[in-house]
Amino acid sequence: AMLCSSFDWNGIREPFVFATENDNLNAMSMLMGHLLSRRAAVFADVRTYWSPEAIRRVTGWKPKGAAEGGMIHMINSGAASLDGCGMSQGARGEGTMKPWWEMTTLDVDACLRATEWCPADLGYFRGGGFSSRYVTTAEMPMTMIRLNIVEGVGPVLQIAEGQSASVPAKVNDILHRRTNYTWPTTWFVPRTSGSKAFHDVYSVMSAWGANHCALAYGHIGDKLLTLCSMLRIPVAMHNVPADRVFRPHAWTAFGTTEPEGADYRACAAYGPLYG
């Protein structure tokens, strides 16, 4: 948690990119998110899909706003950067995540006040220790990222732009305890289109290639698409609007009616930039 944050006991500094559970692919996802957003990345489990019906049945609260169509519980064993609590304050007083060089001591204090240090769950961590716990209460634009390795293809990226959702404290308390109350929580809602992998919130989680992801501040899907075309990494799924997609013009030679397939063909034809 501290390594991945924009500060530690020595003060404000650039976040380190450090993934738990030896997940080097999520470390690469975090690195992309960090470099393109210029902010700390959040390591998270893509743990649970909560439908509007299930939320209302369990808590009595009818989801509204960002959570109206359901949400994904992003949670991990204290590995998320503390910046992810969203307690840093933007120019309009909104909760946000900042580049490390814009962080102030007030932002650091706010993030630390929002974080509890809970005794680790001995079922997971027999050696004990402490787990950071916070709840992201700010509704922020975020991008969900995951790099996977597909046999016969190589690295493949998944992207889902969306936002964090704020729910009443009592509702969060009930839902949070369904997993592990000592872990940090972000309720994430991807932007859906009613089609294919982005038909609805559940479809996004169902199509996700791993139980981990990196969350980056802002909608940086277009930057990820351009970076991946430069590195010859095909993108398996994304919800970036067409007017924000920028790839090399040569990609059109591999097909124009099915950009996803053309991306795979172009990346295979040109080969990895580094390999």
C-alpha atoms as a PDB file:
ATOM      1  CA  ALA A   1       0.000   0.000   0.000  1.00  0.00           C
ATOM      2  CA  MET A   2       2.699   2.498   0.975  1.00  0.00           C
ATOM      3  CA  LEU A   3       5.035   1.624  -1.905  1.00  0.00           C
ATOM      4  CA  CYS A   4       2.244   2.208  -4.438  1.00  0.00           C
ATOM      5  CA  SER A   5       1.170   5.524  -2.875  1.00  0.00           C
ATOM      6  CA  SER A   6       2.379   9.056  -3.643  1.00  0.00           C
ATOM      7  CA  PHE A   7       3.905   9.396  -0.186  1.00  0.00           C
ATOM      8  CA  ASP A   8       5.423   7.456   2.673  1.00  0.00           C
ATOM      9  CA  TRP A   9       7.004   8.157   6.074  1.00  0.00           C
ATOM     10  CA  ASN A  10       9.659  10.270   4.341  1.00  0.00           C
ATOM     11  CA  GLY A  11       7.125  12.531   2.645  1.00  0.00           C
ATOM     12  CA  ILE A  12       5.681  13.036  -0.844  1.00  0.00           C
ATOM     13  CA  ARG A  13       7.400  11.189  -3.696  1.00  0.00           C
ATOM     14  CA  GLU A  14       6.634   9.380  -6.958  1.00  0.00           C
ATOM     15  CA  PRO A  15       4.683   6.135  -6.445  1.00  0.00           C
ATOM     16  CA  PHE A  16       6.496   2.854  -6.911  1.00  0.00           C
ATOM     17  CA  VAL A  17       4.772   0.277  -9.107  1.00  0.00           C
ATOM     18  CA  PHE A  18       4.498  -2.849  -6.992  1.00  0.00           C
ATOM     19  CA  ALA A  19       1.995  -5.662  -7.545  1.00  0.00           C
ATOM     20  CA  THR A  20       1.061  -8.156  -4.864  1.00  0.00           C
ATOM     21  CA  GLU A  21       0.799 -11.947  -5.269  1.00  0.00           C
ATOM     22  CA  ASN A  22       3.691 -12.008  -7.751  1.00  0.00           C
ATOM     23  CA  ASP A  23       1.309 -10.820 -10.496  1.00  0.00           C
ATOM     24  CA  ASN A  24       3.806  -9.350 -12.941  1.00  0.00           C
ATOM     25  CA  LEU A  25       1.108  -8.893 -15.593  1.00  0.00           C
ATOM     26  CA  ASN A  26      -0.868  -6.659 -13.263  1.00  0.00           C
ATOM     27  CA  ALA A  27       2.358  -4.829 -12.449  1.00  0.00           C
ATOM     28  CA  MET A  28       2.655  -4.053 -16.169  1.00  0.00           C
ATOM     29  CA  SER A  29      -0.975  -2.918 -16.181  1.00  0.00           C
ATOM     30  CA  MET A  30      -0.247  -0.666 -13.205  1.00  0.00           C
ATOM     31  CA  LEU A  31       2.862   0.707 -14.915  1.00  0.00           C
ATOM     32  CA  MET A  32       0.857   1.651 -18.011  1.00  0.00           C
ATOM     33  CA  GLY A  33      -1.796   3.279 -15.847  1.00  0.00           C
ATOM     34  CA  HIS A  34       0.779   5.145 -13.782  1.00  0.00           C
ATOM     35  CA  LEU A  35       2.746   6.499 -16.741  1.00  0.00           C
ATOM     36  CA  LEU A  36      -0.285   7.531 -18.796  1.00  0.00           C
ATOM     37  CA  SER A  37      -2.360   9.015 -15.968  1.00  0.00           C
ATOM     38  CA  ARG A  38       0.714  10.408 -14.153  1.00  0.00           C
ATOM     39  CA  ARG A  39      -0.843   9.199 -10.912  1.00  0.00           C
ATOM     40  CA  ALA A  40      -0.662   6.235  -8.572  1.00  0.00           C
ATOM     41  CA  ALA A  41      -2.356   3.087  -9.876  1.00  0.00           C
ATOM     42  CA  VAL A  42      -4.664   0.952  -7.732  1.00  0.00           C
ATOM     43  CA  PHE A  43      -4.115  -2.819  -7.583  1.00  0.00           C
ATOM     44  CA  ALA A  44      -7.447  -4.590  -7.135  1.00  0.00           C
ATOM     45  CA  ASP A  45      -9.188  -7.927  -7.245  1.00  0.00           C
ATOM     46  CA  VAL A  46     -12.111  -7.988  -9.661  1.00  0.00           C
ATOM     47  CA  ARG A  47     -13.956  -9.694  -6.861  1.00  0.00           C
ATOM     48  CA  THR A  48     -17.762  -9.527  -7.034  1.00  0.00           C
ATOM     49  CA  TYR A  49     -20.514  -8.293  -9.339  1.00  0.00           C
ATOM     50  CA  TRP A  50     -23.427  -6.830  -7.388  1.00  0.00           C
ATOM     51  CA  SER A  51     -26.605  -6.497  -9.426  1.00  0.00           C
ATOM     52  CA  PRO A  52     -29.155  -3.803  -8.497  1.00  0.00           C
ATOM     53  CA  GLU A  53     -31.552  -6.556  -7.416  1.00  0.00           C
ATOM     54  CA  ALA A  54     -28.973  -8.239  -5.176  1.00  0.00           C
ATOM     55  CA  ILE A  55     -27.952  -4.935  -3.586  1.00  0.00           C
ATOM     56  CA  ARG A  56     -31.566  -4.103  -2.756  1.00  0.00           C
ATOM     57  CA  ARG A  57     -32.281  -7.617  -1.460  1.00  0.00           C
ATOM     58  CA  VAL A  58     -29.264  -7.638   0.856  1.00  0.00           C
ATOM     59  CA  THR A  59     -29.226  -4.009   2.030  1.00  0.00           C
ATOM     60  CA  GLY A  60     -32.726  -2.641   1.417  1.00  0.00           C
ATOM     61  CA  TRP A  61     -31.234   0.228  -0.631  1.00  0.00           C
ATOM     62  CA  LYS A  62     -32.314   0.749  -4.229  1.00  0.00           C
ATOM     63  CA  PRO A  63     -29.189   1.671  -6.216  1.00  0.00           C
ATOM     64  CA  LYS A  64     -29.256   5.017  -7.967  1.00  0.00           C
ATOM     65  CA  GLY A  65     -26.886   7.282  -9.808  1.00  0.00           C
ATOM     66  CA  ALA A  66     -23.714   5.580 -10.996  1.00  0.00           C
ATOM     67  CA  ALA A  67     -24.649   2.339  -9.201  1.00  0.00           C
ATOM     68  CA  GLU A  68     -28.103   2.095 -10.780  1.00  0.00           C
ATOM     69  CA  GLY A  69     -27.085  -0.698 -13.161  1.00  0.00           C
ATOM     70  CA  GLY A  70     -24.966  -2.611 -10.659  1.00  0.00           C
ATOM     71  CA  MET A  71     -21.293  -2.385  -9.758  1.00  0.00           C
ATOM     72  CA  ILE A  72     -18.095  -4.387  -9.412  1.00  0.00           C
ATOM     73  CA  HIS A  73     -16.437  -4.738  -6.016  1.00  0.00           C
ATOM     74  CA  MET A  74     -12.752  -3.897  -6.461  1.00  0.00           C
ATOM     75  CA  ILE A  75     -10.971  -5.078  -3.341  1.00  0.00           C
ATOM     76  CA  ASN A  76      -7.625  -6.563  -2.360  1.00  0.00           C
ATOM     77  CA  SER A  77      -5.639  -7.459   0.735  1.00  0.00           C
ATOM     78  CA  GLY A  78      -4.296  -4.001   1.472  1.00  0.00           C
ATOM     79  CA  ALA A  79      -2.304  -3.695  -1.770  1.00  0.00           C
ATOM     80  CA  ALA A  80      -4.137  -0.651  -3.165  1.00  0.00           C
ATOM     81  CA  SER A  81      -2.394   2.733  -3.193  1.00  0.00           C
ATOM     82  CA  LEU A  82      -3.793   5.035  -0.526  1.00  0.00           C
ATOM     83  CA  ASP A  83      -4.361   7.662  -3.237  1.00  0.00           C
ATOM     84  CA  GLY A  84      -7.257   5.467  -4.370  1.00  0.00           C
ATOM     85  CA  CYS A  85      -9.418   6.566  -1.447  1.00  0.00           C
ATOM     86  CA  GLY A  86     -10.047   9.762  -3.437  1.00  0.00           C
ATOM     87  CA  MET A  87      -9.588  12.071  -0.468  1.00  0.00           C
ATOM     88  CA  SER A  88      -7.125  14.404  -2.184  1.00  0.00           C
ATOM     89  CA  GLN A  89      -8.915  17.648  -3.007  1.00  0.00           C
ATOM     90  CA  GLY A  90      -9.204  19.046  -6.520  1.00  0.00           C
ATOM     91  CA  ALA A  91      -9.521  22.679  -7.596  1.00  0.00           C
ATOM     92  CA  ARG A  92     -13.318  22.610  -7.149  1.00  0.00           C
ATOM     93  CA  GLY A  93     -13.159  20.817  -3.826  1.00  0.00           C
ATOM     94  CA  GLU A  94     -13.954  17.436  -5.367  1.00  0.00           C
ATOM     95  CA  GLY A  95     -12.333  14.191  -4.296  1.00  0.00           C
ATOM     96  CA  THR A  96      -9.640  13.184  -6.760  1.00  0.00           C
ATOM     97  CA  MET A  97      -6.280  11.519  -7.350  1.00  0.00           C
ATOM     98  CA  LYS A  98      -3.372  13.840  -8.111  1.00  0.00           C
ATOM     99  CA  PRO A  99       0.025  13.587  -9.783  1.00  0.00           C
ATOM    100  CA  TRP A 100       2.543  13.153  -6.987  1.00  0.00           C
ATOM    101  CA  TRP A 101       4.099  16.578  -7.589  1.00  0.00           C
ATOM    102  CA  GLU A 102       0.704  18.222  -6.973  1.00  0.00           C
ATOM    103  CA  MET A 103       0.084  16.405  -3.693  1.00  0.00           C
ATOM    104  CA  THR A 104       0.051  18.589  -0.587  1.00  0.00           C
ATOM    105  CA  THR A 105       0.489  17.724   3.068  1.00  0.00           C
ATOM    106  CA  LEU A 106      -3.262  18.316   3.451  1.00  0.00           C
ATOM    107  CA  ASP A 107      -3.912  15.662   0.787  1.00  0.00           C
ATOM    108  CA  VAL A 108      -1.571  13.220   2.503  1.00  0.00           C
ATOM    109  CA  ASP A 109      -3.243  13.815   5.874  1.00  0.00           C
ATOM    110  CA  ALA A 110      -6.695  13.319   4.319  1.00  0.00           C
ATOM    111  CA  CYS A 111      -5.664  10.005   2.726  1.00  0.00           C
ATOM    112  CA  LEU A 112      -4.145   8.778   5.982  1.00  0.00           C
ATOM    113  CA  ARG A 113      -7.221   9.784   8.001  1.00  0.00           C
ATOM    114  CA  ALA A 114      -9.389   7.815   5.559  1.00  0.00           C
ATOM    115  CA  THR A 115      -7.240   4.695   6.017  1.00  0.00           C
ATOM    116  CA  GLU A 116      -7.425   2.167   8.831  1.00  0.00           C
ATOM    117  CA  TRP A 117      -4.689  -0.371   9.553  1.00  0.00           C
ATOM    118  CA  CYS A 118      -6.468  -3.599  10.418  1.00  0.00           C
ATOM    119  CA  PRO A 119      -4.881  -6.777  11.818  1.00  0.00           C
ATOM    120  CA  ALA A 120      -4.406  -9.101   8.849  1.00  0.00           C
ATOM    121  CA  ASP A 121      -6.790 -12.014   8.350  1.00  0.00           C
ATOM    122  CA  LEU A 122      -4.817 -15.035   9.575  1.00  0.00           C
ATOM    123  CA  GLY A 123      -6.730 -17.269   7.167  1.00  0.00           C
ATOM    124  CA  TYR A 124      -4.899 -15.497   4.354  1.00  0.00           C
ATOM    125  CA  PHE A 125      -1.755 -14.284   6.111  1.00  0.00           C
ATOM    126  CA  ARG A 126      -0.483 -16.719   8.700  1.00  0.00           C
ATOM    127  CA  GLY A 127       2.421 -14.438   9.517  1.00  0.00           C
ATOM    128  CA  GLY A 128       0.078 -11.673  10.636  1.00  0.00           C
ATOM    129  CA  GLY A 129       0.805  -8.029   9.916  1.00  0.00           C
ATOM    130  CA  PHE A 130      -1.599  -5.267   8.980  1.00  0.00           C
ATOM    131  CA  SER A 131      -3.902  -4.537   6.067  1.00  0.00           C
ATOM    132  CA  SER A 132      -4.817  -1.068   4.868  1.00  0.00           C
ATOM    133  CA  ARG A 133      -8.558  -0.489   4.684  1.00  0.00           C
ATOM    134  CA  TYR A 134     -10.412   2.408   3.100  1.00  0.00           C
ATOM    135  CA  VAL A 135     -13.530   3.027   1.031  1.00  0.00           C
ATOM    136  CA  THR A 136     -13.408   5.182  -2.103  1.00  0.00           C
ATOM    137  CA  THR A 137     -16.217   7.663  -1.470  1.00  0.00           C
ATOM    138  CA  ALA A 138     -15.413  10.085  -4.307  1.00  0.00           C
ATOM    139  CA  GLU A 139     -17.018   9.490  -7.695  1.00  0.00           C
ATOM    140  CA  MET A 140     -14.045   9.737 -10.033  1.00  0.00           C
ATOM    141  CA  PRO A 141     -13.443   8.859 -13.693  1.00  0.00           C
ATOM    142  CA  MET A 142     -11.352   5.693 -13.768  1.00  0.00           C
ATOM    143  CA  THR A 143      -9.995   3.198 -16.281  1.00  0.00           C
ATOM    144  CA  MET A 144      -9.798  -0.524 -15.564  1.00  0.00           C
ATOM    145  CA  ILE A 145      -6.761  -2.196 -17.185  1.00  0.00           C
ATOM    146  CA  ARG A 146      -5.449  -5.735 -17.518  1.00  0.00           C
ATOM    147  CA  LEU A 147      -2.593  -7.239 -19.530  1.00  0.00           C
ATOM    148  CA  ASN A 148      -2.982 -10.969 -20.180  1.00  0.00           C
ATOM    149  CA  ILE A 149      -0.809 -13.535 -21.946  1.00  0.00           C
ATOM    150  CA  VAL A 150      -2.657 -15.655 -24.510  1.00  0.00           C
ATOM    151  CA  GLU A 151      -0.894 -18.766 -25.779  1.00  0.00           C
ATOM    152  CA  GLY A 152      -0.162 -18.437 -29.472  1.00  0.00           C
ATOM    153  CA  VAL A 153      -0.790 -14.692 -29.426  1.00  0.00           C
ATOM    154  CA  GLY A 154       1.300 -13.159 -26.649  1.00  0.00           C
ATOM    155  CA  PRO A 155       0.363 -10.109 -24.563  1.00  0.00           C
ATOM    156  CA  VAL A 156      -3.222  -8.859 -24.988  1.00  0.00           C
ATOM    157  CA  LEU A 157      -4.748  -5.843 -23.225  1.00  0.00           C
ATOM    158  CA  GLN A 158      -8.255  -5.236 -21.866  1.00  0.00           C
ATOM    159  CA  ILE A 159      -9.620  -1.750 -21.146  1.00  0.00           C
ATOM    160  CA  ALA A 160     -12.835  -0.575 -19.480  1.00  0.00           C
ATOM    161  CA  GLU A 161     -13.444   3.116 -18.854  1.00  0.00           C
ATOM    162  CA  GLY A 162     -15.928   3.990 -16.146  1.00  0.00           C
ATOM    163  CA  GLN A 163     -16.119   5.583 -12.727  1.00  0.00           C
ATOM    164  CA  SER A 164     -16.026   4.863  -9.038  1.00  0.00           C
ATOM    165  CA  ALA A 165     -19.430   4.858  -7.362  1.00  0.00           C
ATOM    166  CA  SER A 166     -20.368   6.231  -3.961  1.00  0.00           C
ATOM    167  CA  VAL A 167     -22.861   4.277  -1.876  1.00  0.00           C
ATOM    168  CA  PRO A 168     -24.328   5.015   1.572  1.00  0.00           C
ATOM    169  CA  ALA A 169     -22.020   4.031   4.429  1.00  0.00           C
ATOM    170  CA  LYS A 170     -24.497   1.480   5.800  1.00  0.00           C
ATOM    171  CA  VAL A 171     -24.813  -0.183   2.388  1.00  0.00           C
ATOM    172  CA  ASN A 172     -21.051  -0.337   1.964  1.00  0.00           C
ATOM    173  CA  ASP A 173     -20.704  -1.800   5.445  1.00  0.00           C
ATOM    174  CA  ILE A 174     -23.068  -4.681   4.643  1.00  0.00           C
ATOM    175  CA  LEU A 175     -21.601  -5.446   1.216  1.00  0.00           C
ATOM    176  CA  HIS A 176     -18.001  -5.028   2.353  1.00  0.00           C
ATOM    177  CA  ARG A 177     -18.445  -7.686   5.038  1.00  0.00           C
ATOM    178  CA  ARG A 178     -19.481 -10.217   2.376  1.00  0.00           C
ATOM    179  CA  THR A 179     -15.815 -10.408   1.333  1.00  0.00           C
ATOM    180  CA  ASN A 180     -13.196  -9.130   3.794  1.00  0.00           C
ATOM    181  CA  TYR A 181     -13.773  -6.069   5.925  1.00  0.00           C
ATOM    182  CA  THR A 182     -10.045  -5.450   6.455  1.00  0.00           C
ATOM    183  CA  TRP A 183      -9.356  -4.729   2.775  1.00  0.00           C
ATOM    184  CA  PRO A 184      -9.648  -1.458   0.794  1.00  0.00           C
ATOM    185  CA  THR A 185     -12.758  -1.099  -1.380  1.00  0.00           C
ATOM    186  CA  THR A 186     -13.573   0.753  -4.585  1.00  0.00           C
ATOM    187  CA  TRP A 187     -16.990   0.296  -6.183  1.00  0.00           C
ATOM    188  CA  PHE A 188     -16.398   0.480  -9.939  1.00  0.00           C
ATOM    189  CA  VAL A 189     -18.971   0.957 -12.691  1.00  0.00           C
ATOM    190  CA  PRO A 190     -17.758   0.518 -16.289  1.00  0.00           C
ATOM    191  CA  ARG A 191     -19.366   2.580 -19.042  1.00  0.00           C
ATOM    192  CA  THR A 192     -21.694   0.194 -20.863  1.00  0.00           C
ATOM    193  CA  SER A 193     -23.095   0.270 -24.385  1.00  0.00           C
ATOM    194  CA  GLY A 194     -25.727  -2.472 -24.454  1.00  0.00           C
ATOM    195  CA  SER A 195     -23.561  -4.502 -26.829  1.00  0.00           C
ATOM    196  CA  LYS A 196     -21.211  -7.494 -26.568  1.00  0.00           C
ATOM    197  CA  ALA A 197     -18.592  -7.323 -23.774  1.00  0.00           C
ATOM    198  CA  PHE A 198     -20.041  -3.990 -22.655  1.00  0.00           C
ATOM    199  CA  HIS A 199     -23.685  -5.025 -22.773  1.00  0.00           C
ATOM    200  CA  ASP A 200     -23.958  -4.385 -19.030  1.00  0.00           C
ATOM    201  CA  VAL A 201     -21.796  -4.297 -15.914  1.00  0.00           C
ATOM    202  CA  TYR A 202     -21.893  -8.071 -15.488  1.00  0.00           C
ATOM    203  CA  SER A 203     -20.775  -8.616 -19.098  1.00  0.00           C
ATOM    204  CA  VAL A 204     -17.605  -6.625 -18.454  1.00  0.00           C
ATOM    205  CA  MET A 205     -16.670  -8.735 -15.441  1.00  0.00           C
ATOM    206  CA  SER A 206     -17.609 -11.935 -17.289  1.00  0.00           C
ATOM    207  CA  ALA A 207     -15.283 -11.055 -20.186  1.00  0.00           C
ATOM    208  CA  TRP A 208     -12.388 -10.021 -17.949  1.00  0.00           C
ATOM    209  CA  GLY A 209      -9.340 -12.245 -18.365  1.00  0.00           C
ATOM    210  CA  ALA A 210      -8.136 -12.447 -14.763  1.00  0.00           C
ATOM    211  CA  ASN A 211      -9.214 -11.850 -11.182  1.00  0.00           C
ATOM    212  CA  HIS A 212      -6.915  -8.804 -10.956  1.00  0.00           C
ATOM    213  CA  CYS A 213      -6.888  -5.390 -12.595  1.00  0.00           C
ATOM    214  CA  ALA A 214      -5.233  -2.007 -12.297  1.00  0.00           C
ATOM    215  CA  LEU A 215      -7.385   1.084 -11.813  1.00  0.00           C
ATOM    216  CA  ALA A 216      -6.014   4.347 -13.182  1.00  0.00           C
ATOM    217  CA  TYR A 217      -7.463   7.797 -12.620  1.00  0.00           C
ATOM    218  CA  GLY A 218      -9.226   9.381 -15.589  1.00  0.00           C
ATOM    219  CA  HIS A 219     -10.362   8.019 -18.926  1.00  0.00           C
ATOM    220  CA  ILE A 220      -7.068   7.025 -20.508  1.00  0.00           C
ATOM    221  CA  GLY A 221      -8.330   4.258 -22.794  1.00  0.00           C
ATOM    222  CA  ASP A 222      -7.413   6.220 -25.929  1.00  0.00           C
ATOM    223  CA  LYS A 223      -3.829   6.625 -24.721  1.00  0.00           C
ATOM    224  CA  LEU A 224      -3.628   2.924 -23.947  1.00  0.00           C
ATOM    225  CA  LEU A 225      -4.880   2.046 -27.444  1.00  0.00           C
ATOM    226  CA  THR A 226      -2.236   4.222 -29.081  1.00  0.00           C
ATOM    227  CA  LEU A 227       0.515   2.876 -26.824  1.00  0.00           C
ATOM    228  CA  CYS A 228      -0.514  -0.708 -27.549  1.00  0.00           C
ATOM    229  CA  SER A 229      -0.436  -0.142 -31.308  1.00  0.00           C
ATOM    230  CA  MET A 230       3.096   1.237 -30.943  1.00  0.00           C
ATOM    231  CA  LEU A 231       4.139  -1.831 -28.923  1.00  0.00           C
ATOM    232  CA  ARG A 232       2.137  -4.230 -31.188  1.00  0.00           C
ATOM    233  CA  ILE A 233      -0.051  -5.410 -28.319  1.00  0.00           C
ATOM    234  CA  PRO A 234      -3.594  -6.196 -29.541  1.00  0.00           C
ATOM    235  CA  VAL A 235      -6.513  -4.947 -27.450  1.00  0.00           C
ATOM    236  CA  ALA A 236      -9.136  -7.626 -26.837  1.00  0.00           C
ATOM    237  CA  MET A 237     -11.887  -5.350 -25.493  1.00  0.00           C
ATOM    238  CA  HIS A 238     -12.394  -1.653 -24.888  1.00  0.00           C
ATOM    239  CA  ASN A 239     -15.184   0.914 -24.656  1.00  0.00           C
ATOM    240  CA  VAL A 240     -13.349   3.938 -26.034  1.00  0.00           C
ATOM    241  CA  PRO A 241     -15.554   5.957 -28.441  1.00  0.00           C
ATOM    242  CA  ALA A 242     -14.416   5.802 -32.073  1.00  0.00           C
ATOM    243  CA  ASP A 243     -13.677   9.533 -32.228  1.00  0.00           C
ATOM    244  CA  ARG A 244     -11.010   9.104 -29.522  1.00  0.00           C
ATOM    245  CA  VAL A 245      -9.237   6.124 -31.095  1.00  0.00           C
ATOM    246  CA  PHE A 246      -5.892   6.905 -32.735  1.00  0.00           C
ATOM    247  CA  ARG A 247      -3.882   4.117 -34.339  1.00  0.00           C
ATOM    248  CA  PRO A 248      -1.364   4.182 -37.215  1.00  0.00           C
ATOM    249  CA  HIS A 249      -2.980   4.711 -40.623  1.00  0.00           C
ATOM    250  CA  ALA A 250      -1.455   1.413 -41.795  1.00  0.00           C
ATOM    251  CA  TRP A 251      -3.935  -0.417 -39.537  1.00  0.00           C
ATOM    252  CA  THR A 252      -6.663   0.280 -42.146  1.00  0.00           C
ATOM    253  CA  ALA A 253      -4.889  -2.083 -44.557  1.00  0.00           C
ATOM    254  CA  PHE A 254      -5.860  -4.940 -42.248  1.00  0.00           C
ATOM    255  CA  GLY A 255      -9.590  -4.175 -42.356  1.00  0.00           C
ATOM    256  CA  THR A 256     -11.914  -1.286 -41.576  1.00  0.00           C
ATOM    257  CA  THR A 257     -15.252  -2.878 -40.701  1.00  0.00           C
ATOM    258  CA  GLU A 258     -13.882  -4.859 -37.749  1.00  0.00           C
ATOM    259  CA  PRO A 259     -11.210  -2.730 -35.996  1.00  0.00           C
ATOM    260  CA  GLU A 260     -10.630  -5.267 -33.208  1.00  0.00           C
ATOM    261  CA  GLY A 261      -9.739  -8.039 -35.651  1.00  0.00           C
ATOM    262  CA  ALA A 262      -7.670  -5.632 -37.747  1.00  0.00           C
ATOM    263  CA  ASP A 263      -5.694  -4.709 -34.639  1.00  0.00           C
ATOM    264  CA  TYR A 264      -4.830  -8.371 -34.014  1.00  0.00           C
ATOM    265  CA  ARG A 265      -3.764  -8.853 -37.644  1.00  0.00           C
ATOM    266  CA  ALA A 266      -1.673  -5.685 -37.726  1.00  0.00           C
ATOM    267  CA  CYS A 267       0.113  -6.513 -34.471  1.00  0.00           C
ATOM    268  CA  ALA A 268       0.869 -10.043 -35.719  1.00  0.00           C
ATOM    269  CA  ALA A 269       2.134  -8.770 -39.083  1.00  0.00           C
ATOM    270  CA  TYR A 270       4.421  -6.073 -37.705  1.00  0.00           C
ATOM    271  CA  GLY A 271       5.600  -8.106 -34.726  1.00  0.00           C
ATOM    272  CA  PRO A 272       6.590  -6.856 -31.271  1.00  0.00           C
ATOM    273  CA  LEU A 273       8.501  -3.596 -31.099  1.00  0.00           C
ATOM    274  CA  TYR A 274      10.682  -5.148 -28.398  1.00  0.00           C
ATOM    275  CA  GLY A 275      11.044  -8.899 -28.520  1.00  0.00           C
END
